[in-house]
Amino acid sequence: MTAAEARSDEFLISAAGDLFAAGFDTAQIASRFVAPEAAIAAALAVARQRRRVAIAGLICNALAHGCAR
């Protein structure tokens, strides 16, 4: 994978995640990017996993600092 392809993948992951959060489904997102639905579904899976990891990190950080009740 080239650096340009990696940047393109990162953009798709970020943009697809944002559009999905705004209420668009995979078919609507795919039509906006002229990309196969499978590519959008894969990008959304990565975006969801990253979001889960980020949330878990925030929870762990709060617990480590005694912020949770």
PDB file of N, CA and C in Angstrom:
ATOM      1  N   MET A   1       0.845  -1.170   0.000  1.00  0.00           N
ATOM      2  CA  MET A   1       0.000   0.000   0.000  1.00  0.00           C
ATOM      3  C   MET A   1       0.895   1.240   0.000  1.00  0.00           C
ATOM      4  N   THR A   2       0.571   2.171  -0.857  1.00  0.00           N
ATOM      5  CA  THR A   2       1.339   3.413  -0.923  1.00  0.00           C
ATOM      6  C   THR A   2       0.841   4.382   0.144  1.00  0.00           C
ATOM      7  N   ALA A   3       1.604   5.423   0.375  1.00  0.00           N
ATOM      8  CA  ALA A   3       1.201   6.441   1.341  1.00  0.00           C
ATOM      9  C   ALA A   3      -0.100   7.109   0.904  1.00  0.00           C
ATOM     10  N   ALA A   4      -0.247   7.335  -0.390  1.00  0.00           N
ATOM     11  CA  ALA A   4      -1.477   7.954  -0.897  1.00  0.00           C
ATOM     12  C   ALA A   4      -2.683   7.047  -0.668  1.00  0.00           C
ATOM     13  N   GLU A   5      -2.498   5.745  -0.872  1.00  0.00           N
ATOM     14  CA  GLU A   5      -3.592   4.800  -0.629  1.00  0.00           C
ATOM     15  C   GLU A   5      -3.952   4.758   0.853  1.00  0.00           C
ATOM     16  N   ALA A   6      -2.957   4.812   1.708  1.00  0.00           N
ATOM     17  CA  ALA A   6      -3.212   4.811   3.151  1.00  0.00           C
ATOM     18  C   ALA A   6      -3.980   6.059   3.564  1.00  0.00           C
ATOM     19  N   ARG A   7      -3.596   7.213   3.026  1.00  0.00           N
ATOM     20  CA  ARG A   7      -4.322   8.453   3.330  1.00  0.00           C
ATOM     21  C   ARG A   7      -5.748   8.371   2.822  1.00  0.00           C
ATOM     22  N   SER A   8      -5.927   7.801   1.653  1.00  0.00           N
ATOM     23  CA  SER A   8      -7.259   7.642   1.079  1.00  0.00           C
ATOM     24  C   SER A   8      -8.116   6.731   1.951  1.00  0.00           C
ATOM     25  N   ASP A   9      -7.533   5.621   2.410  1.00  0.00           N
ATOM     26  CA  ASP A   9      -8.259   4.711   3.299  1.00  0.00           C
ATOM     27  C   ASP A   9      -8.642   5.413   4.595  1.00  0.00           C
ATOM     28  N   GLU A  10      -7.709   6.179   5.163  1.00  0.00           N
ATOM     29  CA  GLU A  10      -7.988   6.895   6.410  1.00  0.00           C
ATOM     30  C   GLU A  10      -9.110   7.911   6.207  1.00  0.00           C
ATOM     31  N   PHE A  11      -9.086   8.605   5.069  1.00  0.00           N
ATOM     32  CA  PHE A  11     -10.148   9.563   4.781  1.00  0.00           C
ATOM     33  C   PHE A  11     -11.490   8.853   4.689  1.00  0.00           C
ATOM     34  N   LEU A  12     -11.536   7.731   3.981  1.00  0.00           N
ATOM     35  CA  LEU A  12     -12.782   6.986   3.820  1.00  0.00           C
ATOM     36  C   LEU A  12     -13.299   6.505   5.170  1.00  0.00           C
ATOM     37  N   ILE A  13     -12.409   5.999   6.021  1.00  0.00           N
ATOM     38  CA  ILE A  13     -12.817   5.530   7.346  1.00  0.00           C
ATOM     39  C   ILE A  13     -13.417   6.678   8.150  1.00  0.00           C
ATOM     40  N   SER A  14     -12.745   7.799   8.162  1.00  0.00           N
ATOM     41  CA  SER A  14     -13.206   8.955   8.923  1.00  0.00           C
ATOM     42  C   SER A  14     -14.513   9.515   8.366  1.00  0.00           C
ATOM     43  N   ALA A  15     -14.555   9.744   7.069  1.00  0.00           N
ATOM     44  CA  ALA A  15     -15.744  10.330   6.448  1.00  0.00           C
ATOM     45  C   ALA A  15     -16.941   9.391   6.522  1.00  0.00           C
ATOM     46  N   ALA A  16     -16.728   8.107   6.271  1.00  0.00           N
ATOM     47  CA  ALA A  16     -17.832   7.145   6.338  1.00  0.00           C
ATOM     48  C   ALA A  16     -18.377   7.071   7.755  1.00  0.00           C
ATOM     49  N   GLY A  17     -17.488   7.074   8.746  1.00  0.00           N
ATOM     50  CA  GLY A  17     -17.932   7.061  10.141  1.00  0.00           C
ATOM     51  C   GLY A  17     -18.756   8.286  10.481  1.00  0.00           C
ATOM     52  N   ASP A  18     -18.313   9.452  10.023  1.00  0.00           N
ATOM     53  CA  ASP A  18     -19.055  10.689  10.278  1.00  0.00           C
ATOM     54  C   ASP A  18     -20.421  10.669   9.602  1.00  0.00           C
ATOM     55  N   LEU A  19     -20.472  10.217   8.345  1.00  0.00           N
ATOM     56  CA  LEU A  19     -21.748  10.163   7.629  1.00  0.00           C
ATOM     57  C   LEU A  19     -22.696   9.151   8.263  1.00  0.00           C
ATOM     58  N   PHE A  20     -22.170   8.009   8.709  1.00  0.00           N
ATOM     59  CA  PHE A  20     -23.006   7.007   9.364  1.00  0.00           C
ATOM     60  C   PHE A  20     -23.575   7.580  10.659  1.00  0.00           C
ATOM     61  N   ALA A  21     -22.746   8.293  11.414  1.00  0.00           N
ATOM     62  CA  ALA A  21     -23.205   8.918  12.657  1.00  0.00           C
ATOM     63  C   ALA A  21     -24.278   9.968  12.381  1.00  0.00           C
ATOM     64  N   ALA A  22     -24.228  10.571  11.195  1.00  0.00           N
ATOM     65  CA  ALA A  22     -25.221  11.574  10.813  1.00  0.00           C
ATOM     66  C   ALA A  22     -26.515  10.955  10.293  1.00  0.00           C
ATOM     67  N   GLY A  23     -26.560   9.616  10.203  1.00  0.00           N
ATOM     68  CA  GLY A  23     -27.799   8.952   9.818  1.00  0.00           C
ATOM     69  C   GLY A  23     -27.833   8.347   8.431  1.00  0.00           C
ATOM     70  N   PHE A  24     -26.736   8.423   7.693  1.00  0.00           N
ATOM     71  CA  PHE A  24     -26.695   7.821   6.364  1.00  0.00           C
ATOM     72  C   PHE A  24     -26.442   6.323   6.482  1.00  0.00           C
ATOM     73  N   ASP A  25     -27.042   5.526   5.589  1.00  0.00           N
ATOM     74  CA  ASP A  25     -26.760   4.085   5.592  1.00  0.00           C
ATOM     75  C   ASP A  25     -25.619   3.795   4.611  1.00  0.00           C
ATOM     76  N   THR A  26     -25.175   2.532   4.595  1.00  0.00           N
ATOM     77  CA  THR A  26     -24.009   2.202   3.769  1.00  0.00           C
ATOM     78  C   THR A  26     -24.249   2.457   2.287  1.00  0.00           C
ATOM     79  N   ALA A  27     -25.454   2.203   1.800  1.00  0.00           N
ATOM     80  CA  ALA A  27     -25.749   2.438   0.380  1.00  0.00           C
ATOM     81  C   ALA A  27     -25.653   3.928   0.046  1.00  0.00           C
ATOM     82  N   GLN A  28     -26.178   4.775   0.919  1.00  0.00           N
ATOM     83  CA  GLN A  28     -26.109   6.216   0.682  1.00  0.00           C
ATOM     84  C   GLN A  28     -24.662   6.714   0.716  1.00  0.00           C
ATOM     85  N   ILE A  29     -23.891   6.199   1.657  1.00  0.00           N
ATOM     86  CA  ILE A  29     -22.485   6.599   1.750  1.00  0.00           C
ATOM     87  C   ILE A  29     -21.730   6.124   0.515  1.00  0.00           C
ATOM     88  N   ALA A  30     -21.974   4.884   0.097  1.00  0.00           N
ATOM     89  CA  ALA A  30     -21.298   4.332  -1.085  1.00  0.00           C
ATOM     90  C   ALA A  30     -21.587   5.172  -2.322  1.00  0.00           C
ATOM     91  N   SER A  31     -22.829   5.639  -2.458  1.00  0.00           N
ATOM     92  CA  SER A  31     -23.175   6.438  -3.635  1.00  0.00           C
ATOM     93  C   SER A  31     -22.459   7.784  -3.626  1.00  0.00           C
ATOM     94  N   ARG A  32     -22.213   8.330  -2.453  1.00  0.00           N
ATOM     95  CA  ARG A  32     -21.515   9.608  -2.363  1.00  0.00           C
ATOM     96  C   ARG A  32     -20.030   9.474  -2.707  1.00  0.00           C
ATOM     97  N   PHE A  33     -19.449   8.332  -2.406  1.00  0.00           N
ATOM     98  CA  PHE A  33     -18.023   8.124  -2.653  1.00  0.00           C
ATOM     99  C   PHE A  33     -17.752   7.326  -3.921  1.00  0.00           C
ATOM    100  N   VAL A  34     -18.800   6.903  -4.610  1.00  0.00           N
ATOM    101  CA  VAL A  34     -18.662   6.042  -5.780  1.00  0.00           C
ATOM    102  C   VAL A  34     -17.745   4.870  -5.403  1.00  0.00           C
ATOM    103  N   ALA A  35     -18.131   4.212  -4.329  1.00  0.00           N
ATOM    104  CA  ALA A  35     -17.366   3.081  -3.797  1.00  0.00           C
ATOM    105  C   ALA A  35     -18.326   1.920  -3.573  1.00  0.00           C
ATOM    106  N   PRO A  36     -17.834   0.700  -3.643  1.00  0.00           N
ATOM    107  CA  PRO A  36     -18.695  -0.450  -3.372  1.00  0.00           C
ATOM    108  C   PRO A  36     -19.158  -0.445  -1.915  1.00  0.00           C
ATOM    109  N   GLU A  37     -20.381  -0.934  -1.698  1.00  0.00           N
ATOM    110  CA  GLU A  37     -20.903  -0.997  -0.331  1.00  0.00           C
ATOM    111  C   GLU A  37     -19.985  -1.808   0.575  1.00  0.00           C
ATOM    112  N   ALA A  38     -19.343  -2.835   0.033  1.00  0.00           N
ATOM    113  CA  ALA A  38     -18.434  -3.652   0.847  1.00  0.00           C
ATOM    114  C   ALA A  38     -17.268  -2.814   1.377  1.00  0.00           C
ATOM    115  N   ALA A  39     -16.768  -1.895   0.567  1.00  0.00           N
ATOM    116  CA  ALA A  39     -15.676  -1.026   1.014  1.00  0.00           C
ATOM    117  C   ALA A  39     -16.150  -0.093   2.121  1.00  0.00           C
ATOM    118  N   ILE A  40     -17.371   0.405   1.980  1.00  0.00           N
ATOM    119  CA  ILE A  40     -17.935   1.282   3.008  1.00  0.00           C
ATOM    120  C   ILE A  40     -18.166   0.492   4.289  1.00  0.00           C
ATOM    121  N   ALA A  41     -18.704  -0.718   4.168  1.00  0.00           N
ATOM    122  CA  ALA A  41     -18.938  -1.559   5.347  1.00  0.00           C
ATOM    123  C   ALA A  41     -17.624  -1.844   6.073  1.00  0.00           C
ATOM    124  N   ALA A  42     -16.565  -2.105   5.320  1.00  0.00           N
ATOM    125  CA  ALA A  42     -15.254  -2.354   5.932  1.00  0.00           C
ATOM    126  C   ALA A  42     -14.735  -1.099   6.630  1.00  0.00           C
ATOM    127  N   ALA A  43     -14.900   0.047   5.992  1.00  0.00           N
ATOM    128  CA  ALA A  43     -14.462   1.308   6.596  1.00  0.00           C
ATOM    129  C   ALA A  43     -15.242   1.591   7.875  1.00  0.00           C
ATOM    130  N   LEU A  44     -16.546   1.322   7.855  1.00  0.00           N
ATOM    131  CA  LEU A  44     -17.365   1.534   9.051  1.00  0.00           C
ATOM    132  C   LEU A  44     -16.966   0.588  10.172  1.00  0.00           C
ATOM    133  N   ALA A  45     -16.602  -0.632   9.835  1.00  0.00           N
ATOM    134  CA  ALA A  45     -16.155  -1.583  10.860  1.00  0.00           C
ATOM    135  C   ALA A  45     -14.897  -1.064  11.552  1.00  0.00           C
ATOM    136  N   VAL A  46     -13.974  -0.516  10.776  1.00  0.00           N
ATOM    137  CA  VAL A  46     -12.754   0.054  11.360  1.00  0.00           C
ATOM    138  C   VAL A  46     -13.106   1.260  12.225  1.00  0.00           C
ATOM    139  N   ALA A  47     -13.987   2.130  11.730  1.00  0.00           N
ATOM    140  CA  ALA A  47     -14.386   3.316  12.493  1.00  0.00           C
ATOM    141  C   ALA A  47     -15.042   2.919  13.812  1.00  0.00           C
ATOM    142  N   ARG A  48     -15.910   1.916  13.773  1.00  0.00           N
ATOM    143  CA  ARG A  48     -16.569   1.456  15.004  1.00  0.00           C
ATOM    144  C   ARG A  48     -15.554   0.891  15.995  1.00  0.00           C
ATOM    145  N   GLN A  49     -14.624   0.095  15.507  1.00  0.00           N
ATOM    146  CA  GLN A  49     -13.608  -0.487  16.391  1.00  0.00           C
ATOM    147  C   GLN A  49     -12.761   0.609  17.021  1.00  0.00           C
ATOM    148  N   ARG A  50     -12.378   1.591  16.250  1.00  0.00           N
ATOM    149  CA  ARG A  50     -11.580   2.697  16.793  1.00  0.00           C
ATOM    150  C   ARG A  50     -12.361   3.458  17.851  1.00  0.00           C
ATOM    151  N   ARG A  51     -13.651   3.653  17.613  1.00  0.00           N
ATOM    152  CA  ARG A  51     -14.493   4.357  18.575  1.00  0.00           C
ATOM    153  C   ARG A  51     -14.574   3.559  19.875  1.00  0.00           C
ATOM    154  N   ARG A  52     -14.740   2.219  19.757  1.00  0.00           N
ATOM    155  CA  ARG A  52     -14.795   1.370  20.956  1.00  0.00           C
ATOM    156  C   ARG A  52     -13.488   1.447  21.738  1.00  0.00           C
ATOM    157  N   VAL A  53     -12.377   1.420  21.031  1.00  0.00           N
ATOM    158  CA  VAL A  53     -11.074   1.495  21.695  1.00  0.00           C
ATOM    159  C   VAL A  53     -10.913   2.851  22.381  1.00  0.00           C
ATOM    160  N   ALA A  54     -11.330   3.913  21.721  1.00  0.00           N
ATOM    161  CA  ALA A  54     -11.220   5.249  22.307  1.00  0.00           C
ATOM    162  C   ALA A  54     -12.081   5.369  23.559  1.00  0.00           C
ATOM    163  N   ILE A  55     -13.295   4.851  23.501  1.00  0.00           N
ATOM    164  CA  ILE A  55     -14.184   4.906  24.663  1.00  0.00           C
ATOM    165  C   ILE A  55     -13.612   4.081  25.808  1.00  0.00           C
ATOM    166  N   ALA A  56     -13.106   2.900  25.499  1.00  0.00           N
ATOM    167  CA  ALA A  56     -12.493   2.061  26.536  1.00  0.00           C
ATOM    168  C   ALA A  56     -11.307   2.782  27.176  1.00  0.00           C
ATOM    169  N   GLY A  57     -10.527   3.470  26.370  1.00  0.00           N
ATOM    170  CA  GLY A  57      -9.397   4.232  26.899  1.00  0.00           C
ATOM    171  C   GLY A  57      -9.846   5.340  27.830  1.00  0.00           C
ATOM    172  N   LEU A  58     -10.918   6.031  27.467  1.00  0.00           N
ATOM    173  CA  LEU A  58     -11.447   7.090  28.331  1.00  0.00           C
ATOM    174  C   LEU A  58     -11.938   6.524  29.657  1.00  0.00           C
ATOM    175  N   ILE A  59     -12.617   5.385  29.595  1.00  0.00           N
ATOM    176  CA  ILE A  59     -13.116   4.747  30.817  1.00  0.00           C
ATOM    177  C   ILE A  59     -11.950   4.326  31.707  1.00  0.00           C
ATOM    178  N   CYS A  60     -10.946   3.688  31.123  1.00  0.00           N
ATOM    179  CA  CYS A  60      -9.772   3.262  31.898  1.00  0.00           C
ATOM    180  C   CYS A  60      -9.063   4.454  32.522  1.00  0.00           C
ATOM    181  N   ASN A  61      -8.948   5.527  31.770  1.00  0.00           N
ATOM    182  CA  ASN A  61      -8.302   6.731  32.277  1.00  0.00           C
ATOM    183  C   ASN A  61      -9.094   7.308  33.448  1.00  0.00           C
ATOM    184  N   ALA A  62     -10.418   7.353  33.316  1.00  0.00           N
ATOM    185  CA  ALA A  62     -11.257   7.870  34.399  1.00  0.00           C
ATOM    186  C   ALA A  62     -11.133   6.995  35.642  1.00  0.00           C
ATOM    187  N   LEU A  63     -11.132   5.685  35.457  1.00  0.00           N
ATOM    188  CA  LEU A  63     -10.997   4.775  36.597  1.00  0.00           C
ATOM    189  C   LEU A  63      -9.633   4.923  37.263  1.00  0.00           C
ATOM    190  N   ALA A  64      -8.602   5.083  36.458  1.00  0.00           N
ATOM    191  CA  ALA A  64      -7.246   5.217  36.994  1.00  0.00           C
ATOM    192  C   ALA A  64      -7.079   6.497  37.805  1.00  0.00           C
ATOM    193  N   HIS A  65      -7.867   7.511  37.465  1.00  0.00           N
ATOM    194  CA  HIS A  65      -7.752   8.791  38.163  1.00  0.00           C
ATOM    195  C   HIS A  65      -8.872   9.002  39.171  1.00  0.00           C
ATOM    196  N   GLY A  66      -9.632   7.960  39.452  1.00  0.00           N
ATOM    197  CA  GLY A  66     -10.687   8.046  40.458  1.00  0.00           C
ATOM    198  C   GLY A  66     -11.843   8.939  40.072  1.00  0.00           C
ATOM    199  N   CYS A  67     -12.075   9.097  38.774  1.00  0.00           N
ATOM    200  CA  CYS A  67     -13.149   9.975  38.311  1.00  0.00           C
ATOM    201  C   CYS A  67     -14.491   9.267  38.209  1.00  0.00           C
ATOM    202  N   ALA A  68     -14.489   7.960  38.222  1.00  0.00           N
ATOM    203  CA  ALA A  68     -15.746   7.215  38.092  1.00  0.00           C
ATOM    204  C   ALA A  68     -16.414   7.113  39.451  1.00  0.00           C
ATOM    205  N   ARG A  69     -17.724   7.096  39.439  1.00  0.00           N
ATOM    206  CA  ARG A  69     -18.462   6.987  40.707  1.00  0.00           C
ATOM    207  C   ARG A  69     -19.087   5.645  40.838  1.00  0.00           C
TER     208      ARG A  69
END
